Structure formats: C-alpha cells, structure tokens
C-alpha cells in the first residue's frame, strides 16, 4: 500500500437521475380514430449505488471524481410501453466504507461485506401513463404524471480498516518494525517519530496455514483525541479491530503511565473502544537484561496480558502470535 496512494476520506456530489414522464398517448389506427388511452409509464431515474469490493484497500479511485451523475429515465410511449430506466452508477468501495451525509454527519450506510450493494442516492420514480387514469367517467384522460426529480446531495465516504489486530502506541514504538517482521508488508521504517503517516495492513501467517490481519496505525500522542498530532484522522481505523495490541518501548521512563495515556485517548475518542480485548507488548526488549525486565514487569497493568518482545532479535515473536491467536479464537 503506497504511502501517497492511501486515501481514506473523499467528499463527492451524488446526483441521481430524474424519472421519465408518463405518456398521455391515445390509441389510433386506420380503423379506430378515437381509441382509448395507451400511454406507458416513464422509466425510473438511475440510482447511485455503493458496492463492496474486497480487492480495494483505499478510496484513491474516487479522490478526483467529485461529481457522480446517473442517467435520467426515459419517457413512456404508446402501446403502454414503459420507458427505459436510467443507467445506474455503481461505485466500488473497500469493505469498511461508511457513507455520511455531508451536511448533517448522519450515517447513511456502511459496507461490511464483499459484493454488498446499497442504494446510496435513489433515482426518481417514473411517472404513470394515462392508461392508469382511465375510469368509467373519464375514458380518455389526456394527462399523465411527470417523473419524480432525482436527488442531489453531498456525501462523505470514510474508510475504516477492517483488521483482526490494531497496533496502538506512541510514535517510534516499533509498530511498523513488528509488522514488517511478522508479515510481508513493507511499511516505512526510520528512527524518528511519525514515520508512519498512513495505516498499513499485513497478513500474519500462523501455525497450520492459519493467518490473521494486522493493522499498523500511525502513532498516537497525548491530545490526539482533540486533534493533536495526526489527531482524529486515523483513530477511526482502530474502531473495527477485534484486538488492540498496545506497544510501548522498553526505552520509556514509565510504561504504565504511557499505557494509561493511550487508554485515555481512546476513551476520549470513543468509550466503546475500551470494551475491545487488549494485549500489551513491551518492544525493544533486547535492550533489557533479565533483572531490569523483571523490575518493569512488576509495574505493568495486572489486568492486561503482556509480553516482552524484540522485532530485531525475534524475541517472543511467536509467543506474541500465540497470545493473539488465543484471544482471537476465544469464545
């Protein structure tokens, strides 16, 4: 997933098609100069539809498509022929995409499955032809319904990554390094904060050909829930992860305090995040000797399973995978 190509937020104008007008035609042929009504209905206007596509990981293909316009329905015609429906416009989106009304912020729909289709902006209904209005007292109605107008609305599409495990930690905690070691993902790695500017996904191979998906989220800082650092932009990607793996460097002066800060930021952003299963990994533990490791272990939160790991030396990497798998498969 190229850094410059990860787009998880787009705002587009959706304009559905107008319904076609009904026909007010009266039947005529060489033997019948005054036939009854035979006007057909108008076709409906084209819908704008969202469809989930498991092969997509970003909204990049919609970044420059600011206006999405569906076709109008065609008018009805004689012989009670219904006009053709307007062509629908289908927008392929990644699984985990949410559509919001740009003005109210209300969630209109969300795509959670491959192939799932949802009408985002419905087209207008076609008008009824005059054949529908025939009655004993009005046998030759010369009027028909116009088609309903389509809708025009601004919609925000947001992507929330779907992953089994979300990596949560301060910048430079070793999240990207871990992802590069346990999967084939190639995130940018460097020894300075905010190296990761976009989320990265990796498939982690486990025993007996099993696997799970891990997401590396850009680093959180204190105040992120209020917009500091990378702020709210990427916190939403944590919402869809089954497990939150908190990663704190062994270089930290107070691991328990850092963990609490991270927890507070998540709670401020969305209290429901605290209901997710949690694990704690102390990274860069190759810098610790056994005595120092034991001292740190005594200060760690008692209610969260923890492990000391090193992505460089592979220390306890398999142990961490086992812990993750156990939590994922627990009933």
C-alpha atoms as a PDB file:
ATOM      1  CA  UNK A   1       0.000   0.000   0.000  1.00  0.00           C
ATOM      2  CA  UNK A   2       1.867   3.042  -1.247  1.00  0.00           C
ATOM      3  CA  UNK A   3       2.085   5.887   1.236  1.00  0.00           C
ATOM      4  CA  UNK A   4       0.998   8.555  -1.252  1.00  0.00           C
ATOM      5  CA  UNK A   5      -1.879   6.443  -2.540  1.00  0.00           C
ATOM      6  CA  UNK A   6      -3.725   5.722   0.687  1.00  0.00           C
ATOM      7  CA  UNK A   7      -6.909   7.779   0.625  1.00  0.00           C
ATOM      8  CA  UNK A   8      -9.478   7.073   3.338  1.00  0.00           C
ATOM      9  CA  UNK A   9     -11.735  10.153   3.024  1.00  0.00           C
ATOM     10  CA  UNK A  10     -13.497  11.621  -0.006  1.00  0.00           C
ATOM     11  CA  UNK A  11     -16.376  14.040  -0.437  1.00  0.00           C
ATOM     12  CA  UNK A  12     -18.484  13.652  -3.559  1.00  0.00           C
ATOM     13  CA  UNK A  13     -21.638  15.168  -5.026  1.00  0.00           C
ATOM     14  CA  UNK A  14     -24.146  12.463  -5.955  1.00  0.00           C
ATOM     15  CA  UNK A  15     -26.897  13.303  -8.433  1.00  0.00           C
ATOM     16  CA  UNK A  16     -29.389  10.578  -9.258  1.00  0.00           C
ATOM     17  CA  UNK A  17     -31.465  10.545 -12.426  1.00  0.00           C
ATOM     18  CA  UNK A  18     -34.920  12.046 -12.889  1.00  0.00           C
ATOM     19  CA  UNK A  19     -37.797   9.687 -13.524  1.00  0.00           C
ATOM     20  CA  UNK A  20     -39.135   9.705 -17.074  1.00  0.00           C
ATOM     21  CA  UNK A  21     -42.574  11.242 -17.721  1.00  0.00           C
ATOM     22  CA  UNK A  22     -45.593   9.048 -18.338  1.00  0.00           C
ATOM     23  CA  UNK A  23     -47.164   9.153 -21.790  1.00  0.00           C
ATOM     24  CA  UNK A  24     -50.600  10.641 -22.491  1.00  0.00           C
ATOM     25  CA  UNK A  25     -50.955   8.871 -25.835  1.00  0.00           C
ATOM     26  CA  UNK A  26     -54.364   7.838 -27.211  1.00  0.00           C
ATOM     27  CA  UNK A  27     -54.633   4.742 -29.364  1.00  0.00           C
ATOM     28  CA  UNK A  28     -55.104   5.451 -33.084  1.00  0.00           C
ATOM     29  CA  UNK A  29     -55.019   3.287 -36.209  1.00  0.00           C
ATOM     30  CA  UNK A  30     -56.705   3.281 -39.606  1.00  0.00           C
ATOM     31  CA  UNK A  31     -59.736   1.506 -38.217  1.00  0.00           C
ATOM     32  CA  UNK A  32     -60.034   3.389 -34.951  1.00  0.00           C
ATOM     33  CA  UNK A  33     -59.779   7.157 -34.951  1.00  0.00           C
ATOM     34  CA  UNK A  34     -60.808   7.547 -31.334  1.00  0.00           C
ATOM     35  CA  UNK A  35     -59.186   4.800 -29.295  1.00  0.00           C
ATOM     36  CA  UNK A  36     -58.666   4.833 -25.578  1.00  0.00           C
ATOM     37  CA  UNK A  37     -55.561   5.791 -23.581  1.00  0.00           C
ATOM     38  CA  UNK A  38     -52.496   3.590 -24.093  1.00  0.00           C
ATOM     39  CA  UNK A  39     -49.726   5.759 -22.686  1.00  0.00           C
ATOM     40  CA  UNK A  40     -46.999   3.848 -20.858  1.00  0.00           C
ATOM     41  CA  UNK A  41     -45.138   4.702 -17.666  1.00  0.00           C
ATOM     42  CA  UNK A  42     -41.849   6.535 -17.529  1.00  0.00           C
ATOM     43  CA  UNK A  43     -38.700   4.699 -16.501  1.00  0.00           C
ATOM     44  CA  UNK A  44     -37.127   5.401 -13.122  1.00  0.00           C
ATOM     45  CA  UNK A  45     -34.037   7.553 -12.862  1.00  0.00           C
ATOM     46  CA  UNK A  46     -30.659   5.920 -12.348  1.00  0.00           C
ATOM     47  CA  UNK A  47     -29.540   5.110  -8.806  1.00  0.00           C
ATOM     48  CA  UNK A  48     -26.096   5.761  -7.373  1.00  0.00           C
ATOM     49  CA  UNK A  49     -25.059   2.518  -5.715  1.00  0.00           C
ATOM     50  CA  UNK A  50     -22.215   1.514  -3.405  1.00  0.00           C
ATOM     51  CA  UNK A  51     -20.771  -1.981  -3.838  1.00  0.00           C
ATOM     52  CA  UNK A  52     -18.213  -3.605  -1.548  1.00  0.00           C
ATOM     53  CA  UNK A  53     -15.045  -4.868  -3.198  1.00  0.00           C
ATOM     54  CA  UNK A  54     -12.617  -6.928  -1.133  1.00  0.00           C
ATOM     55  CA  UNK A  55      -9.831  -6.209  -3.647  1.00  0.00           C
ATOM     56  CA  UNK A  56      -9.822  -2.498  -2.808  1.00  0.00           C
ATOM     57  CA  UNK A  57      -7.957  -1.059   0.200  1.00  0.00           C
ATOM     58  CA  UNK A  58      -8.304   2.653  -0.464  1.00  0.00           C
ATOM     59  CA  UNK A  59     -10.673   5.305  -1.855  1.00  0.00           C
ATOM     60  CA  UNK A  60      -7.970   6.633  -4.180  1.00  0.00           C
ATOM     61  CA  UNK A  61     -10.006   5.883  -7.320  1.00  0.00           C
ATOM     62  CA  UNK A  62     -12.713   8.284  -6.097  1.00  0.00           C
ATOM     63  CA  UNK A  63     -10.408  11.089  -4.987  1.00  0.00           C
ATOM     64  CA  UNK A  64     -10.806  13.172  -8.148  1.00  0.00           C
ATOM     65  CA  UNK A  65     -14.363  12.102  -9.025  1.00  0.00           C
ATOM     66  CA  UNK A  66     -16.125  14.992  -7.336  1.00  0.00           C
ATOM     67  CA  UNK A  67     -19.439  14.634  -9.187  1.00  0.00           C
ATOM     68  CA  UNK A  68     -21.234  11.348  -9.777  1.00  0.00           C
ATOM     69  CA  UNK A  69     -24.232  11.717 -12.097  1.00  0.00           C
ATOM     70  CA  UNK A  70     -26.696   8.981 -13.032  1.00  0.00           C
ATOM     71  CA  UNK A  71     -28.799   8.971 -16.215  1.00  0.00           C
ATOM     72  CA  UNK A  72     -32.426  10.076 -16.402  1.00  0.00           C
ATOM     73  CA  UNK A  73     -35.232   7.608 -17.072  1.00  0.00           C
ATOM     74  CA  UNK A  74     -36.884   7.710 -20.470  1.00  0.00           C
ATOM     75  CA  UNK A  75     -40.499   8.679 -21.050  1.00  0.00           C
ATOM     76  CA  UNK A  76     -43.275   6.162 -21.601  1.00  0.00           C
ATOM     77  CA  UNK A  77     -44.701   5.649 -25.063  1.00  0.00           C
ATOM     78  CA  UNK A  78     -47.738   4.224 -26.865  1.00  0.00           C
ATOM     79  CA  UNK A  79     -48.979   0.667 -26.504  1.00  0.00           C
ATOM     80  CA  UNK A  80     -48.462   1.066 -22.736  1.00  0.00           C
ATOM     81  CA  UNK A  81     -44.725   0.719 -23.283  1.00  0.00           C
ATOM     82  CA  UNK A  82     -42.667   1.637 -20.212  1.00  0.00           C
ATOM     83  CA  UNK A  83     -39.662   3.861 -20.764  1.00  0.00           C
ATOM     84  CA  UNK A  84     -36.194   2.510 -20.105  1.00  0.00           C
ATOM     85  CA  UNK A  85     -34.738   3.050 -16.644  1.00  0.00           C
ATOM     86  CA  UNK A  86     -31.797   5.409 -16.343  1.00  0.00           C
ATOM     87  CA  UNK A  87     -28.432   3.671 -16.091  1.00  0.00           C
ATOM     88  CA  UNK A  88     -27.252   3.212 -12.512  1.00  0.00           C
ATOM     89  CA  UNK A  89     -23.800   4.331 -11.408  1.00  0.00           C
ATOM     90  CA  UNK A  90     -22.029   1.752  -9.241  1.00  0.00           C
ATOM     91  CA  UNK A  91     -19.208   2.969  -7.020  1.00  0.00           C
ATOM     92  CA  UNK A  92     -16.851   0.180  -5.962  1.00  0.00           C
ATOM     93  CA  UNK A  93     -15.583   0.810  -2.434  1.00  0.00           C
ATOM     94  CA  UNK A  94     -13.412  -1.102   0.055  1.00  0.00           C
ATOM     95  CA  UNK A  95     -15.028  -3.153   2.774  1.00  0.00           C
ATOM     96  CA  UNK A  96     -15.318  -0.956   5.854  1.00  0.00           C
ATOM     97  CA  UNK A  97     -16.518   2.143   3.982  1.00  0.00           C
ATOM     98  CA  UNK A  98     -19.069   4.370   5.701  1.00  0.00           C
ATOM     99  CA  UNK A  99     -21.221   6.921   3.856  1.00  0.00           C
ATOM    100  CA  UNK A 100     -22.295  10.056   5.733  1.00  0.00           C
ATOM    101  CA  UNK A 101     -24.496  12.989   4.844  1.00  0.00           C
ATOM    102  CA  UNK A 102     -22.029  15.838   4.395  1.00  0.00           C
ATOM    103  CA  UNK A 103     -24.364  18.402   5.980  1.00  0.00           C
ATOM    104  CA  UNK A 104     -25.722  16.522   8.997  1.00  0.00           C
ATOM    105  CA  UNK A 105     -22.989  13.929   9.540  1.00  0.00           C
ATOM    106  CA  UNK A 106     -25.666  11.241   9.736  1.00  0.00           C
ATOM    107  CA  UNK A 107     -24.514   7.756   8.716  1.00  0.00           C
ATOM    108  CA  UNK A 108     -26.449   6.749   5.602  1.00  0.00           C
ATOM    109  CA  UNK A 109     -24.998   3.261   5.187  1.00  0.00           C
ATOM    110  CA  UNK A 110     -21.876   1.163   5.632  1.00  0.00           C
ATOM    111  CA  UNK A 111     -20.338  -1.574   3.545  1.00  0.00           C
ATOM    112  CA  UNK A 112     -19.167  -4.585   5.556  1.00  0.00           C
ATOM    113  CA  UNK A 113     -19.169  -7.464   3.048  1.00  0.00           C
ATOM    114  CA  UNK A 114     -17.674  -8.227  -0.338  1.00  0.00           C
ATOM    115  CA  UNK A 115     -20.311  -7.799  -3.043  1.00  0.00           C
ATOM    116  CA  UNK A 116     -22.751  -5.980  -0.730  1.00  0.00           C
ATOM    117  CA  UNK A 117     -24.746  -3.382  -2.671  1.00  0.00           C
ATOM    118  CA  UNK A 118     -26.602  -0.428  -1.180  1.00  0.00           C
ATOM    119  CA  UNK A 119     -28.512   2.319  -2.969  1.00  0.00           C
ATOM    120  CA  UNK A 120     -26.806   5.492  -1.805  1.00  0.00           C
ATOM    121  CA  UNK A 121     -28.846   8.049  -3.763  1.00  0.00           C
ATOM    122  CA  UNK A 122     -32.086   6.690  -5.288  1.00  0.00           C
ATOM    123  CA  UNK A 123     -33.308   7.825  -8.671  1.00  0.00           C
ATOM    124  CA  UNK A 124     -36.704   9.462  -9.142  1.00  0.00           C
ATOM    125  CA  UNK A 125     -39.721   7.269  -9.899  1.00  0.00           C
ATOM    126  CA  UNK A 126     -41.117   7.303 -13.407  1.00  0.00           C
ATOM    127  CA  UNK A 127     -44.479   8.980 -13.960  1.00  0.00           C
ATOM    128  CA  UNK A 128     -47.619   6.942 -14.641  1.00  0.00           C
ATOM    129  CA  UNK A 129     -49.023   6.933 -18.158  1.00  0.00           C
ATOM    130  CA  UNK A 130     -52.592   7.995 -18.902  1.00  0.00           C
ATOM    131  CA  UNK A 131     -53.695   4.350 -19.129  1.00  0.00           C
ATOM    132  CA  UNK A 132     -53.667   4.334 -15.306  1.00  0.00           C
ATOM    133  CA  UNK A 133     -56.207   7.173 -15.093  1.00  0.00           C
ATOM    134  CA  UNK A 134     -58.931   5.680 -17.257  1.00  0.00           C
ATOM    135  CA  UNK A 135     -62.287   5.414 -15.449  1.00  0.00           C
ATOM    136  CA  UNK A 136     -65.939   4.979 -16.332  1.00  0.00           C
ATOM    137  CA  UNK A 137     -66.408   8.735 -16.073  1.00  0.00           C
ATOM    138  CA  UNK A 138     -63.173   9.662 -17.836  1.00  0.00           C
ATOM    139  CA  UNK A 139     -62.479   7.160 -20.563  1.00  0.00           C
ATOM    140  CA  UNK A 140     -59.948   9.231 -22.489  1.00  0.00           C
ATOM    141  CA  UNK A 141     -57.720  11.035 -19.972  1.00  0.00           C
ATOM    142  CA  UNK A 142     -55.307  13.271 -21.793  1.00  0.00           C
ATOM    143  CA  UNK A 143     -52.869  13.707 -18.936  1.00  0.00           C
ATOM    144  CA  UNK A 144     -50.075  11.670 -17.345  1.00  0.00           C
ATOM    145  CA  UNK A 145     -47.739  12.032 -14.418  1.00  0.00           C
ATOM    146  CA  UNK A 146     -44.364  13.724 -14.769  1.00  0.00           C
ATOM    147  CA  UNK A 147     -41.422  11.770 -13.440  1.00  0.00           C
ATOM    148  CA  UNK A 148     -40.083  12.468  -9.955  1.00  0.00           C
ATOM    149  CA  UNK A 149     -36.902  14.533  -9.861  1.00  0.00           C
ATOM    150  CA  UNK A 150     -33.707  12.849  -8.828  1.00  0.00           C
ATOM    151  CA  UNK A 151     -31.769  13.780  -5.710  1.00  0.00           C
ATOM    152  CA  UNK A 152     -28.608  15.822  -5.395  1.00  0.00           C
ATOM    153  CA  UNK A 153     -26.581  15.533  -2.221  1.00  0.00           C
ATOM    154  CA  UNK A 154     -23.017  15.786  -0.955  1.00  0.00           C
ATOM    155  CA  UNK A 155     -21.807  12.578   0.618  1.00  0.00           C
ATOM    156  CA  UNK A 156     -18.680  11.819   2.631  1.00  0.00           C
ATOM    157  CA  UNK A 157     -17.139   8.384   2.201  1.00  0.00           C
ATOM    158  CA  UNK A 158     -14.868   7.281   5.048  1.00  0.00           C
ATOM    159  CA  UNK A 159     -12.848   4.110   5.196  1.00  0.00           C
ATOM    160  CA  UNK A 160     -12.332   2.296   8.488  1.00  0.00           C
ATOM    161  CA  UNK A 161      -9.842  -0.505   8.068  1.00  0.00           C
ATOM    162  CA  UNK A 162     -11.031  -3.999   8.901  1.00  0.00           C
ATOM    163  CA  UNK A 163      -8.328  -5.928  10.749  1.00  0.00           C
ATOM    164  CA  UNK A 164      -8.074  -8.549  13.464  1.00  0.00           C
ATOM    165  CA  UNK A 165      -5.337  -6.726  15.369  1.00  0.00           C
ATOM    166  CA  UNK A 166      -4.721  -2.993  15.580  1.00  0.00           C
ATOM    167  CA  UNK A 167      -1.322  -1.745  16.762  1.00  0.00           C
ATOM    168  CA  UNK A 168      -1.686   1.152  19.184  1.00  0.00           C
ATOM    169  CA  UNK A 169       1.237   3.141  20.518  1.00  0.00           C
ATOM    170  CA  UNK A 170       3.218   6.337  20.576  1.00  0.00           C
ATOM    171  CA  UNK A 171       5.314   7.299  17.552  1.00  0.00           C
ATOM    172  CA  UNK A 172       8.526   5.301  17.199  1.00  0.00           C
ATOM    173  CA  UNK A 173       7.300   2.470  19.447  1.00  0.00           C
ATOM    174  CA  UNK A 174       8.257  -0.211  16.919  1.00  0.00           C
ATOM    175  CA  UNK A 175       4.835  -0.874  15.393  1.00  0.00           C
ATOM    176  CA  UNK A 176       5.984  -0.736  11.772  1.00  0.00           C
ATOM    177  CA  UNK A 177       9.033  -2.855  12.535  1.00  0.00           C
ATOM    178  CA  UNK A 178       6.869  -5.556  14.067  1.00  0.00           C
ATOM    179  CA  UNK A 179       4.500  -5.529  11.083  1.00  0.00           C
ATOM    180  CA  UNK A 180       7.437  -5.855   8.666  1.00  0.00           C
ATOM    181  CA  UNK A 181       8.800  -8.837  10.637  1.00  0.00           C
ATOM    182  CA  UNK A 182       5.588 -10.844  11.012  1.00  0.00           C
ATOM    183  CA  UNK A 183       4.096 -10.134   7.573  1.00  0.00           C
ATOM    184  CA  UNK A 184       5.067  -9.302   4.008  1.00  0.00           C
ATOM    185  CA  UNK A 185       4.052  -5.666   4.458  1.00  0.00           C
ATOM    186  CA  UNK A 186       6.768  -3.104   3.754  1.00  0.00           C
ATOM    187  CA  UNK A 187       5.955  -0.035   5.855  1.00  0.00           C
ATOM    188  CA  UNK A 188       8.414   2.832   6.004  1.00  0.00           C
ATOM    189  CA  UNK A 189      10.723   2.401   8.994  1.00  0.00           C
ATOM    190  CA  UNK A 190      13.050   5.022  10.450  1.00  0.00           C
ATOM    191  CA  UNK A 191      14.277   6.143  13.844  1.00  0.00           C
ATOM    192  CA  UNK A 192      12.163   9.265  14.164  1.00  0.00           C
ATOM    193  CA  UNK A 193       8.548   9.997  15.195  1.00  0.00           C
ATOM    194  CA  UNK A 194       5.652   9.848  12.725  1.00  0.00           C
ATOM    195  CA  UNK A 195       7.500   7.742  10.191  1.00  0.00           C
ATOM    196  CA  UNK A 196       4.144   6.089   9.532  1.00  0.00           C
ATOM    197  CA  UNK A 197       1.733   8.618   8.048  1.00  0.00           C
ATOM    198  CA  UNK A 198      -0.884   6.171   6.751  1.00  0.00           C
ATOM    199  CA  UNK A 199      -2.232   2.876   8.092  1.00  0.00           C
ATOM    200  CA  UNK A 200      -0.563  -0.276   6.795  1.00  0.00           C
ATOM    201  CA  UNK A 201      -2.125  -3.741   6.636  1.00  0.00           C
ATOM    202  CA  UNK A 202      -0.290  -7.040   6.796  1.00  0.00           C
ATOM    203  CA  UNK A 203      -1.398 -10.676   6.762  1.00  0.00           C
ATOM    204  CA  UNK A 204       0.387 -12.567   9.538  1.00  0.00           C
ATOM    205  CA  UNK A 205       0.986 -16.265   8.881  1.00  0.00           C
ATOM    206  CA  UNK A 206       0.261 -18.517  11.830  1.00  0.00           C
ATOM    207  CA  UNK A 207       0.582 -22.229  12.539  1.00  0.00           C
ATOM    208  CA  UNK A 208      -1.052 -24.815  10.250  1.00  0.00           C
ATOM    209  CA  UNK A 209      -1.589 -22.318   7.430  1.00  0.00           C
ATOM    210  CA  UNK A 210      -3.813 -20.086   9.527  1.00  0.00           C
ATOM    211  CA  UNK A 211      -3.482 -16.310   9.379  1.00  0.00           C
ATOM    212  CA  UNK A 212      -4.817 -13.030  10.751  1.00  0.00           C
ATOM    213  CA  UNK A 213      -4.715  -9.399   9.621  1.00  0.00           C
ATOM    214  CA  UNK A 214      -2.699  -6.783  11.496  1.00  0.00           C
ATOM    215  CA  UNK A 215      -3.041  -3.015  11.038  1.00  0.00           C
ATOM    216  CA  UNK A 216      -0.262  -0.557  11.836  1.00  0.00           C
ATOM    217  CA  UNK A 217      -1.960   2.715  12.835  1.00  0.00           C
ATOM    218  CA  UNK A 218       0.032   5.994  12.774  1.00  0.00           C
ATOM    219  CA  UNK A 219       1.339   6.883  16.225  1.00  0.00           C
ATOM    220  CA  UNK A 220      -0.916   8.441  18.829  1.00  0.00           C
ATOM    221  CA  UNK A 221       0.229  11.299  21.058  1.00  0.00           C
ATOM    222  CA  UNK A 222      -1.375  12.786  24.135  1.00  0.00           C
ATOM    223  CA  UNK A 223      -4.197  15.018  22.911  1.00  0.00           C
ATOM    224  CA  UNK A 224      -4.766  13.019  19.718  1.00  0.00           C
ATOM    225  CA  UNK A 225      -8.469  12.739  20.532  1.00  0.00           C
ATOM    226  CA  UNK A 226      -8.579  16.553  20.414  1.00  0.00           C
ATOM    227  CA  UNK A 227      -6.842  16.692  17.050  1.00  0.00           C
ATOM    228  CA  UNK A 228      -3.181  16.965  18.056  1.00  0.00           C
ATOM    229  CA  UNK A 229      -0.531  15.190  16.022  1.00  0.00           C
ATOM    230  CA  UNK A 230      -2.279  13.180  13.350  1.00  0.00           C
ATOM    231  CA  UNK A 231      -5.331  13.571  15.549  1.00  0.00           C
ATOM    232  CA  UNK A 232      -8.704  12.094  14.751  1.00  0.00           C
ATOM    233  CA  UNK A 233      -7.806  11.276  11.171  1.00  0.00           C
ATOM    234  CA  UNK A 234      -6.605   7.752  11.908  1.00  0.00           C
ATOM    235  CA  UNK A 235      -8.164   6.965  15.283  1.00  0.00           C
ATOM    236  CA  UNK A 236     -11.259   5.735  13.455  1.00  0.00           C
ATOM    237  CA  UNK A 237      -9.249   2.881  11.951  1.00  0.00           C
ATOM    238  CA  UNK A 238      -8.943   1.392  15.436  1.00  0.00           C
ATOM    239  CA  UNK A 239     -12.715   1.073  15.784  1.00  0.00           C
ATOM    240  CA  UNK A 240     -13.048  -2.014  13.575  1.00  0.00           C
ATOM    241  CA  UNK A 241     -10.194  -4.078  15.024  1.00  0.00           C
ATOM    242  CA  UNK A 242     -11.030  -7.111  17.143  1.00  0.00           C
ATOM    243  CA  UNK A 243      -7.948  -6.781  19.364  1.00  0.00           C
ATOM    244  CA  UNK A 244      -5.921  -3.730  20.351  1.00  0.00           C
ATOM    245  CA  UNK A 245      -2.243  -4.529  20.771  1.00  0.00           C
ATOM    246  CA  UNK A 246      -0.675  -1.728  22.809  1.00  0.00           C
ATOM    247  CA  UNK A 247       3.019  -1.346  22.013  1.00  0.00           C
ATOM    248  CA  UNK A 248       5.311   0.611  24.319  1.00  0.00           C
ATOM    249  CA  UNK A 249       9.081   0.835  24.008  1.00  0.00           C
ATOM    250  CA  UNK A 250      11.317  -0.538  26.742  1.00  0.00           C
ATOM    251  CA  UNK A 251      13.094   2.836  26.498  1.00  0.00           C
ATOM    252  CA  UNK A 252      10.051   4.519  28.073  1.00  0.00           C
ATOM    253  CA  UNK A 253      10.592   6.071  31.504  1.00  0.00           C
ATOM    254  CA  UNK A 254       7.155   4.933  32.696  1.00  0.00           C
ATOM    255  CA  UNK A 255       5.472   2.180  30.676  1.00  0.00           C
ATOM    256  CA  UNK A 256       2.378   2.018  32.892  1.00  0.00           C
ATOM    257  CA  UNK A 257       1.831   5.767  32.519  1.00  0.00           C
ATOM    258  CA  UNK A 258       2.228   5.615  28.738  1.00  0.00           C
ATOM    259  CA  UNK A 259      -0.308   2.797  28.598  1.00  0.00           C
ATOM    260  CA  UNK A 260      -2.761   4.876  30.632  1.00  0.00           C
ATOM    261  CA  UNK A 261      -2.289   7.895  28.352  1.00  0.00           C
ATOM    262  CA  UNK A 262      -3.028   5.768  25.297  1.00  0.00           C
ATOM    263  CA  UNK A 263      -6.070   4.307  27.025  1.00  0.00           C
ATOM    264  CA  UNK A 264      -7.332   7.778  27.961  1.00  0.00           C
ATOM    265  CA  UNK A 265      -7.016   8.992  24.354  1.00  0.00           C
ATOM    266  CA  UNK A 266      -9.026   6.052  23.069  1.00  0.00           C
ATOM    267  CA  UNK A 267     -11.670   6.539  25.746  1.00  0.00           C
ATOM    268  CA  UNK A 268     -11.983  10.232  24.959  1.00  0.00           C
ATOM    269  CA  UNK A 269     -12.360   9.476  21.251  1.00  0.00           C
ATOM    270  CA  UNK A 270     -14.831   6.596  21.678  1.00  0.00           C
ATOM    271  CA  UNK A 271     -15.557   4.954  25.060  1.00  0.00           C
ATOM    272  CA  UNK A 272     -16.657   1.768  23.287  1.00  0.00           C
ATOM    273  CA  UNK A 273     -13.026   1.116  22.355  1.00  0.00           C
ATOM    274  CA  UNK A 274     -12.348   0.152  25.968  1.00  0.00           C
ATOM    275  CA  UNK A 275     -14.632  -2.845  25.511  1.00  0.00           C
ATOM    276  CA  UNK A 276     -12.233  -4.385  22.999  1.00  0.00           C
ATOM    277  CA  UNK A 277      -9.785  -7.095  24.008  1.00  0.00           C
ATOM    278  CA  UNK A 278      -6.324  -5.743  24.809  1.00  0.00           C
ATOM    279  CA  UNK A 279      -2.760  -7.018  24.858  1.00  0.00           C
ATOM    280  CA  UNK A 280       0.417  -5.184  25.842  1.00  0.00           C
ATOM    281  CA  UNK A 281       3.785  -5.708  24.168  1.00  0.00           C
ATOM    282  CA  UNK A 282       6.931  -4.082  25.538  1.00  0.00           C
ATOM    283  CA  UNK A 283       9.073  -3.546  22.445  1.00  0.00           C
ATOM    284  CA  UNK A 284      12.849  -3.242  22.006  1.00  0.00           C
ATOM    285  CA  UNK A 285      13.319  -5.589  24.972  1.00  0.00           C
ATOM    286  CA  UNK A 286      16.659  -6.718  23.545  1.00  0.00           C
ATOM    287  CA  UNK A 287      17.932  -3.608  25.359  1.00  0.00           C
ATOM    288  CA  UNK A 288      16.961  -5.106  28.733  1.00  0.00           C
ATOM    289  CA  UNK A 289      18.719  -7.644  30.909  1.00  0.00           C
ATOM    290  CA  UNK A 290      16.728 -10.156  32.938  1.00  0.00           C
ATOM    291  CA  UNK A 291      16.854  -8.133  36.141  1.00  0.00           C
ATOM    292  CA  UNK A 292      15.573  -4.950  34.505  1.00  0.00           C
ATOM    293  CA  UNK A 293      12.887  -6.881  32.670  1.00  0.00           C
ATOM    294  CA  UNK A 294      11.626  -8.313  35.964  1.00  0.00           C
ATOM    295  CA  UNK A 295      11.535  -4.836  37.502  1.00  0.00           C
ATOM    296  CA  UNK A 296       9.478  -3.492  34.615  1.00  0.00           C
ATOM    297  CA  UNK A 297       7.145  -6.495  34.639  1.00  0.00           C
ATOM    298  CA  UNK A 298       6.166  -5.706  38.219  1.00  0.00           C
ATOM    299  CA  UNK A 299       4.926  -2.245  37.133  1.00  0.00           C
ATOM    300  CA  UNK A 300       2.771  -3.392  34.202  1.00  0.00           C
ATOM    301  CA  UNK A 301      -1.055  -3.306  34.397  1.00  0.00           C
ATOM    302  CA  UNK A 302      -2.238  -6.532  36.021  1.00  0.00           C
ATOM    303  CA  UNK A 303      -5.464  -6.790  34.021  1.00  0.00           C
ATOM    304  CA  UNK A 304      -3.806  -6.886  30.567  1.00  0.00           C
ATOM    305  CA  UNK A 305      -1.789  -9.868  29.255  1.00  0.00           C
ATOM    306  CA  UNK A 306       1.716  -8.644  28.455  1.00  0.00           C
ATOM    307  CA  UNK A 307       4.855  -9.875  26.742  1.00  0.00           C
ATOM    308  CA  UNK A 308       8.369  -8.535  26.180  1.00  0.00           C
ATOM    309  CA  UNK A 309       9.349  -8.669  22.505  1.00  0.00           C
ATOM    310  CA  UNK A 310      12.117  -7.658  20.157  1.00  0.00           C
ATOM    311  CA  UNK A 311      11.443  -7.478  16.442  1.00  0.00           C
ATOM    312  CA  UNK A 312      15.177  -7.290  15.735  1.00  0.00           C
ATOM    313  CA  UNK A 313      16.169 -10.462  17.620  1.00  0.00           C
ATOM    314  CA  UNK A 314      12.764 -12.176  17.164  1.00  0.00           C
ATOM    315  CA  UNK A 315      12.451 -12.491  20.944  1.00  0.00           C
ATOM    316  CA  UNK A 316       8.991 -13.787  21.914  1.00  0.00           C
ATOM    317  CA  UNK A 317       7.528 -13.019  18.463  1.00  0.00           C
ATOM    318  CA  UNK A 318       5.999 -16.496  18.281  1.00  0.00           C
ATOM    319  CA  UNK A 319       4.755 -16.124  21.853  1.00  0.00           C
ATOM    320  CA  UNK A 320       3.018 -12.901  20.830  1.00  0.00           C
ATOM    321  CA  UNK A 321       1.401 -14.631  17.833  1.00  0.00           C
ATOM    322  CA  UNK A 322       0.162 -17.406  20.116  1.00  0.00           C
ATOM    323  CA  UNK A 323      -1.325 -14.849  22.528  1.00  0.00           C
ATOM    324  CA  UNK A 324      -3.075 -13.036  19.686  1.00  0.00           C
ATOM    325  CA  UNK A 325      -4.459 -16.231  18.199  1.00  0.00           C
ATOM    326  CA  UNK A 326      -5.699 -17.420  21.585  1.00  0.00           C
ATOM    327  CA  UNK A 327      -7.602 -14.184  22.135  1.00  0.00           C
ATOM    328  CA  UNK A 328      -8.966 -14.154  18.571  1.00  0.00           C
ATOM    329  CA  UNK A 329     -10.335 -17.678  18.850  1.00  0.00           C
ATOM    330  CA  UNK A 330     -11.603 -17.403  22.433  1.00  0.00           C
ATOM    331  CA  UNK A 331     -15.362 -17.671  22.653  1.00  0.00           C
END
